[in-house]
Amino acid sequence: MRDLSVIIPARNEIFLAKTIERVLATIEADTEVIAVCDGYWPDPPIVDQPRVNVLHYTDSIGQR
């Protein structure tokens, strides 16, 4: 089990990949990032890393 989970809800966020990179660069504990993509695939794409989990919903399911 991780010490901390950072959940980032996203819908057409152009800075999602950069936000994840910065979180990973500044963490101190055993932290995971969970990005929830609501109805889109991030562009630029998220780099595959062991501490990053991406949840993708094909159809938009609501507000962030």
PDB file of N, CA and C in Angstrom:
ATOM      1  N   MET A   1       0.834  -1.176   0.000  1.00  0.00           N
ATOM      2  CA  MET A   1       0.000   0.000   0.000  1.00  0.00           C
ATOM      3  C   MET A   1       0.886   1.249   0.000  1.00  0.00           C
ATOM      4  N   ARG A   2       0.497   2.205  -0.776  1.00  0.00           N
ATOM      5  CA  ARG A   2       1.248   3.460  -0.884  1.00  0.00           C
ATOM      6  C   ARG A   2       0.966   4.364   0.320  1.00  0.00           C
ATOM      7  N   ASP A   3       1.903   5.279   0.583  1.00  0.00           N
ATOM      8  CA  ASP A   3       1.717   6.249   1.661  1.00  0.00           C
ATOM      9  C   ASP A   3       0.715   7.327   1.265  1.00  0.00           C
ATOM     10  N   LEU A   4       0.703   7.680  -0.024  1.00  0.00           N
ATOM     11  CA  LEU A   4      -0.152   8.766  -0.488  1.00  0.00           C
ATOM     12  C   LEU A   4      -0.591   8.499  -1.918  1.00  0.00           C
ATOM     13  N   SER A   5      -1.861   8.794  -2.218  1.00  0.00           N
ATOM     14  CA  SER A   5      -2.382   8.715  -3.582  1.00  0.00           C
ATOM     15  C   SER A   5      -2.861  10.101  -3.977  1.00  0.00           C
ATOM     16  N   VAL A   6      -2.391  10.588  -5.121  1.00  0.00           N
ATOM     17  CA  VAL A   6      -2.808  11.879  -5.652  1.00  0.00           C
ATOM     18  C   VAL A   6      -3.739  11.593  -6.819  1.00  0.00           C
ATOM     19  N   ILE A   7      -5.001  12.021  -6.700  1.00  0.00           N
ATOM     20  CA  ILE A   7      -5.986  11.795  -7.749  1.00  0.00           C
ATOM     21  C   ILE A   7      -6.171  13.088  -8.518  1.00  0.00           C
ATOM     22  N   ILE A   8      -6.005  12.995  -9.848  1.00  0.00           N
ATOM     23  CA  ILE A   8      -6.131  14.171 -10.699  1.00  0.00           C
ATOM     24  C   ILE A   8      -7.277  13.936 -11.687  1.00  0.00           C
ATOM     25  N   PRO A   9      -8.442  14.566 -11.457  1.00  0.00           N
ATOM     26  CA  PRO A   9      -9.515  14.459 -12.432  1.00  0.00           C
ATOM     27  C   PRO A   9      -9.199  15.365 -13.621  1.00  0.00           C
ATOM     28  N   ALA A  10      -9.435  14.879 -14.834  1.00  0.00           N
ATOM     29  CA  ALA A  10      -9.052  15.668 -16.002  1.00  0.00           C
ATOM     30  C   ALA A  10     -10.062  15.505 -17.130  1.00  0.00           C
ATOM     31  N   ARG A  11     -10.329  16.612 -17.780  1.00  0.00           N
ATOM     32  CA  ARG A  11     -11.187  16.619 -18.963  1.00  0.00           C
ATOM     33  C   ARG A  11     -10.624  17.667 -19.917  1.00  0.00           C
ATOM     34  N   ASN A  12      -9.946  17.190 -20.950  1.00  0.00           N
ATOM     35  CA  ASN A  12      -9.296  18.065 -21.937  1.00  0.00           C
ATOM     36  C   ASN A  12      -8.262  18.991 -21.303  1.00  0.00           C
ATOM     37  N   GLU A  13      -7.493  18.473 -20.363  1.00  0.00           N
ATOM     38  CA  GLU A  13      -6.464  19.261 -19.683  1.00  0.00           C
ATOM     39  C   GLU A  13      -5.168  19.215 -20.485  1.00  0.00           C
ATOM     40  N   ILE A  14      -4.721  20.363 -20.964  1.00  0.00           N
ATOM     41  CA  ILE A  14      -3.506  20.384 -21.783  1.00  0.00           C
ATOM     42  C   ILE A  14      -2.234  20.229 -20.950  1.00  0.00           C
ATOM     43  N   PHE A  15      -2.329  20.459 -19.651  1.00  0.00           N
ATOM     44  CA  PHE A  15      -1.152  20.374 -18.788  1.00  0.00           C
ATOM     45  C   PHE A  15      -1.149  19.127 -17.909  1.00  0.00           C
ATOM     46  N   LEU A  16      -1.955  18.134 -18.219  1.00  0.00           N
ATOM     47  CA  LEU A  16      -2.042  16.939 -17.382  1.00  0.00           C
ATOM     48  C   LEU A  16      -0.703  16.219 -17.290  1.00  0.00           C
ATOM     49  N   ALA A  17      -0.054  15.954 -18.408  1.00  0.00           N
ATOM     50  CA  ALA A  17       1.234  15.244 -18.392  1.00  0.00           C
ATOM     51  C   ALA A  17       2.278  16.032 -17.605  1.00  0.00           C
ATOM     52  N   LYS A  18       2.310  17.330 -17.789  1.00  0.00           N
ATOM     53  CA  LYS A  18       3.267  18.177 -17.063  1.00  0.00           C
ATOM     54  C   LYS A  18       2.969  18.188 -15.566  1.00  0.00           C
ATOM     55  N   THR A  19       1.703  18.210 -15.197  1.00  0.00           N
ATOM     56  CA  THR A  19       1.321  18.173 -13.784  1.00  0.00           C
ATOM     57  C   THR A  19       1.785  16.875 -13.138  1.00  0.00           C
ATOM     58  N   ILE A  20       1.575  15.762 -13.820  1.00  0.00           N
ATOM     59  CA  ILE A  20       2.008  14.467 -13.298  1.00  0.00           C
ATOM     60  C   ILE A  20       3.524  14.426 -13.152  1.00  0.00           C
ATOM     61  N   GLU A  21       4.251  14.929 -14.136  1.00  0.00           N
ATOM     62  CA  GLU A  21       5.718  14.966 -14.065  1.00  0.00           C
ATOM     63  C   GLU A  21       6.184  15.761 -12.849  1.00  0.00           C
ATOM     64  N   ARG A  22       5.548  16.893 -12.595  1.00  0.00           N
ATOM     65  CA  ARG A  22       5.962  17.732 -11.456  1.00  0.00           C
ATOM     66  C   ARG A  22       5.637  17.087 -10.115  1.00  0.00           C
ATOM     67  N   VAL A  23       4.491  16.417 -10.040  1.00  0.00           N
ATOM     68  CA  VAL A  23       4.159  15.705  -8.802  1.00  0.00           C
ATOM     69  C   VAL A  23       5.213  14.635  -8.536  1.00  0.00           C
ATOM     70  N   LEU A  24       5.549  13.858  -9.555  1.00  0.00           N
ATOM     71  CA  LEU A  24       6.539  12.795  -9.386  1.00  0.00           C
ATOM     72  C   LEU A  24       7.927  13.340  -9.061  1.00  0.00           C
ATOM     73  N   ALA A  25       8.251  14.511  -9.574  1.00  0.00           N
ATOM     74  CA  ALA A  25       9.564  15.106  -9.324  1.00  0.00           C
ATOM     75  C   ALA A  25       9.704  15.644  -7.905  1.00  0.00           C
ATOM     76  N   THR A  26       8.571  15.948  -7.251  1.00  0.00           N
ATOM     77  CA  THR A  26       8.654  16.586  -5.940  1.00  0.00           C
ATOM     78  C   THR A  26       8.170  15.702  -4.790  1.00  0.00           C
ATOM     79  N   ILE A  27       7.816  14.472  -5.060  1.00  0.00           N
ATOM     80  CA  ILE A  27       7.319  13.607  -3.986  1.00  0.00           C
ATOM     81  C   ILE A  27       8.448  13.164  -3.076  1.00  0.00           C
ATOM     82  N   GLU A  28       8.094  12.890  -1.833  1.00  0.00           N
ATOM     83  CA  GLU A  28       9.074  12.413  -0.876  1.00  0.00           C
ATOM     84  C   GLU A  28       8.704  11.043  -0.321  1.00  0.00           C
ATOM     85  N   ALA A  29       7.437  10.727  -0.253  1.00  0.00           N
ATOM     86  CA  ALA A  29       6.981   9.448   0.287  1.00  0.00           C
ATOM     87  C   ALA A  29       6.695   8.479  -0.862  1.00  0.00           C
ATOM     88  N   ASP A  30       6.211   7.309  -0.518  1.00  0.00           N
ATOM     89  CA  ASP A  30       5.810   6.328  -1.520  1.00  0.00           C
ATOM     90  C   ASP A  30       4.451   6.758  -2.055  1.00  0.00           C
ATOM     91  N   THR A  31       4.461   7.502  -3.148  1.00  0.00           N
ATOM     92  CA  THR A  31       3.272   8.160  -3.676  1.00  0.00           C
ATOM     93  C   THR A  31       2.912   7.618  -5.043  1.00  0.00           C
ATOM     94  N   GLU A  32       1.605   7.499  -5.286  1.00  0.00           N
ATOM     95  CA  GLU A  32       1.123   7.137  -6.613  1.00  0.00           C
ATOM     96  C   GLU A  32       0.257   8.274  -7.146  1.00  0.00           C
ATOM     97  N   VAL A  33       0.180   8.365  -8.461  1.00  0.00           N
ATOM     98  CA  VAL A  33      -0.669   9.354  -9.120  1.00  0.00           C
ATOM     99  C   VAL A  33      -1.737   8.591  -9.887  1.00  0.00           C
ATOM    100  N   ILE A  34      -2.985   8.979  -9.674  1.00  0.00           N
ATOM    101  CA  ILE A  34      -4.102   8.393 -10.400  1.00  0.00           C
ATOM    102  C   ILE A  34      -4.726   9.502 -11.234  1.00  0.00           C
ATOM    103  N   ALA A  35      -4.601   9.391 -12.553  1.00  0.00           N
ATOM    104  CA  ALA A  35      -5.185  10.372 -13.467  1.00  0.00           C
ATOM    105  C   ALA A  35      -6.476   9.794 -14.028  1.00  0.00           C
ATOM    106  N   VAL A  36      -7.557  10.527 -13.878  1.00  0.00           N
ATOM    107  CA  VAL A  36      -8.858  10.082 -14.371  1.00  0.00           C
ATOM    108  C   VAL A  36      -9.197  10.940 -15.583  1.00  0.00           C
ATOM    109  N   CYS A  37      -9.164  10.323 -16.775  1.00  0.00           N
ATOM    110  CA  CYS A  37      -9.416  11.040 -18.032  1.00  0.00           C
ATOM    111  C   CYS A  37     -10.869  10.828 -18.439  1.00  0.00           C
ATOM    112  N   ASP A  38     -11.633  11.895 -18.427  1.00  0.00           N
ATOM    113  CA  ASP A  38     -13.073  11.843 -18.658  1.00  0.00           C
ATOM    114  C   ASP A  38     -13.397  12.146 -20.122  1.00  0.00           C
ATOM    115  N   GLY A  39     -13.504  11.095 -20.928  1.00  0.00           N
ATOM    116  CA  GLY A  39     -13.958  11.252 -22.299  1.00  0.00           C
ATOM    117  C   GLY A  39     -12.909  11.661 -23.311  1.00  0.00           C
ATOM    118  N   TYR A  40     -11.641  11.539 -23.002  1.00  0.00           N
ATOM    119  CA  TYR A  40     -10.592  11.904 -23.959  1.00  0.00           C
ATOM    120  C   TYR A  40      -9.297  11.207 -23.580  1.00  0.00           C
ATOM    121  N   TRP A  41      -8.368  11.162 -24.524  1.00  0.00           N
ATOM    122  CA  TRP A  41      -6.999  10.701 -24.246  1.00  0.00           C
ATOM    123  C   TRP A  41      -6.112  11.937 -24.173  1.00  0.00           C
ATOM    124  N   PRO A  42      -5.241  12.002 -23.181  1.00  0.00           N
ATOM    125  CA  PRO A  42      -4.391  13.190 -23.015  1.00  0.00           C
ATOM    126  C   PRO A  42      -3.450  13.412 -24.196  1.00  0.00           C
ATOM    127  N   ASP A  43      -3.306  14.659 -24.563  1.00  0.00           N
ATOM    128  CA  ASP A  43      -2.371  15.051 -25.609  1.00  0.00           C
ATOM    129  C   ASP A  43      -1.661  16.300 -25.131  1.00  0.00           C
ATOM    130  N   PRO A  44      -0.386  16.251 -24.792  1.00  0.00           N
ATOM    131  CA  PRO A  44       0.560  15.167 -24.999  1.00  0.00           C
ATOM    132  C   PRO A  44       0.269  13.981 -24.080  1.00  0.00           C
ATOM    133  N   PRO A  45       0.660  12.784 -24.525  1.00  0.00           N
ATOM    134  CA  PRO A  45       0.357  11.585 -23.743  1.00  0.00           C
ATOM    135  C   PRO A  45       1.129  11.525 -22.423  1.00  0.00           C
ATOM    136  N   ILE A  46       0.597  10.752 -21.506  1.00  0.00           N
ATOM    137  CA  ILE A  46       1.227  10.547 -20.209  1.00  0.00           C
ATOM    138  C   ILE A  46       2.271   9.444 -20.359  1.00  0.00           C
ATOM    139  N   VAL A  47       3.471   9.700 -19.871  1.00  0.00           N
ATOM    140  CA  VAL A  47       4.559   8.732 -19.950  1.00  0.00           C
ATOM    141  C   VAL A  47       4.254   7.574 -19.009  1.00  0.00           C
ATOM    142  N   ASP A  48       4.436   6.358 -19.497  1.00  0.00           N
ATOM    143  CA  ASP A  48       4.176   5.165 -18.697  1.00  0.00           C
ATOM    144  C   ASP A  48       5.227   5.050 -17.590  1.00  0.00           C
ATOM    145  N   GLN A  49       4.754   5.079 -16.333  1.00  0.00           N
ATOM    146  CA  GLN A  49       5.636   4.972 -15.174  1.00  0.00           C
ATOM    147  C   GLN A  49       4.965   4.087 -14.129  1.00  0.00           C
ATOM    148  N   PRO A  50       5.736   3.389 -13.312  1.00  0.00           N
ATOM    149  CA  PRO A  50       5.141   2.470 -12.337  1.00  0.00           C
ATOM    150  C   PRO A  50       4.253   3.149 -11.292  1.00  0.00           C
ATOM    151  N   ARG A  51       4.500   4.406 -11.004  1.00  0.00           N
ATOM    152  CA  ARG A  51       3.714   5.094  -9.976  1.00  0.00           C
ATOM    153  C   ARG A  51       2.505   5.838 -10.533  1.00  0.00           C
ATOM    154  N   VAL A  52       2.245   5.702 -11.838  1.00  0.00           N
ATOM    155  CA  VAL A  52       1.136   6.417 -12.474  1.00  0.00           C
ATOM    156  C   VAL A  52       0.102   5.419 -12.980  1.00  0.00           C
ATOM    157  N   ASN A  53      -1.138   5.642 -12.573  1.00  0.00           N
ATOM    158  CA  ASN A  53      -2.267   4.848 -13.059  1.00  0.00           C
ATOM    159  C   ASN A  53      -3.219   5.789 -13.795  1.00  0.00           C
ATOM    160  N   VAL A  54      -3.646   5.371 -14.973  1.00  0.00           N
ATOM    161  CA  VAL A  54      -4.564   6.184 -15.764  1.00  0.00           C
ATOM    162  C   VAL A  54      -5.887   5.442 -15.877  1.00  0.00           C
ATOM    163  N   LEU A  55      -6.956   6.109 -15.463  1.00  0.00           N
ATOM    164  CA  LEU A  55      -8.307   5.597 -15.646  1.00  0.00           C
ATOM    165  C   LEU A  55      -8.914   6.380 -16.796  1.00  0.00           C
ATOM    166  N   HIS A  56      -9.381   5.669 -17.804  1.00  0.00           N
ATOM    167  CA  HIS A  56      -9.923   6.341 -18.984  1.00  0.00           C
ATOM    168  C   HIS A  56     -11.381   5.953 -19.163  1.00  0.00           C
ATOM    169  N   TYR A  57     -12.236   6.945 -19.285  1.00  0.00           N
ATOM    170  CA  TYR A  57     -13.646   6.733 -19.589  1.00  0.00           C
ATOM    171  C   TYR A  57     -13.892   7.225 -21.013  1.00  0.00           C
ATOM    172  N   THR A  58     -14.359   6.336 -21.879  1.00  0.00           N
ATOM    173  CA  THR A  58     -14.574   6.677 -23.281  1.00  0.00           C
ATOM    174  C   THR A  58     -15.619   7.782 -23.418  1.00  0.00           C
ATOM    175  N   ASP A  59     -16.706   7.634 -22.705  1.00  0.00           N
ATOM    176  CA  ASP A  59     -17.764   8.651 -22.720  1.00  0.00           C
ATOM    177  C   ASP A  59     -17.619   9.530 -21.493  1.00  0.00           C
ATOM    178  N   SER A  60     -17.781  10.825 -21.708  1.00  0.00           N
ATOM    179  CA  SER A  60     -17.700  11.770 -20.600  1.00  0.00           C
ATOM    180  C   SER A  60     -18.821  11.471 -19.614  1.00  0.00           C
ATOM    181  N   ILE A  61     -18.473  11.402 -18.320  1.00  0.00           N
ATOM    182  CA  ILE A  61     -19.485  11.041 -17.329  1.00  0.00           C
ATOM    183  C   ILE A  61     -19.830  12.213 -16.404  1.00  0.00           C
ATOM    184  N   GLY A  62     -19.312  13.394 -16.662  1.00  0.00           N
ATOM    185  CA  GLY A  62     -19.740  14.533 -15.850  1.00  0.00           C
ATOM    186  C   GLY A  62     -18.646  15.516 -15.543  1.00  0.00           C
ATOM    187  N   GLN A  63     -18.948  16.380 -14.578  1.00  0.00           N
ATOM    188  CA  GLN A  63     -17.989  17.400 -14.176  1.00  0.00           C
ATOM    189  C   GLN A  63     -16.822  16.787 -13.443  1.00  0.00           C
ATOM    190  N   ARG A  64     -15.694  17.530 -13.399  1.00  0.00           N
ATOM    191  CA  ARG A  64     -14.525  17.016 -12.709  1.00  0.00           C
ATOM    192  C   ARG A  64     -14.724  17.038 -11.248  1.00  0.00           C
TER     193      ARG A  64
END
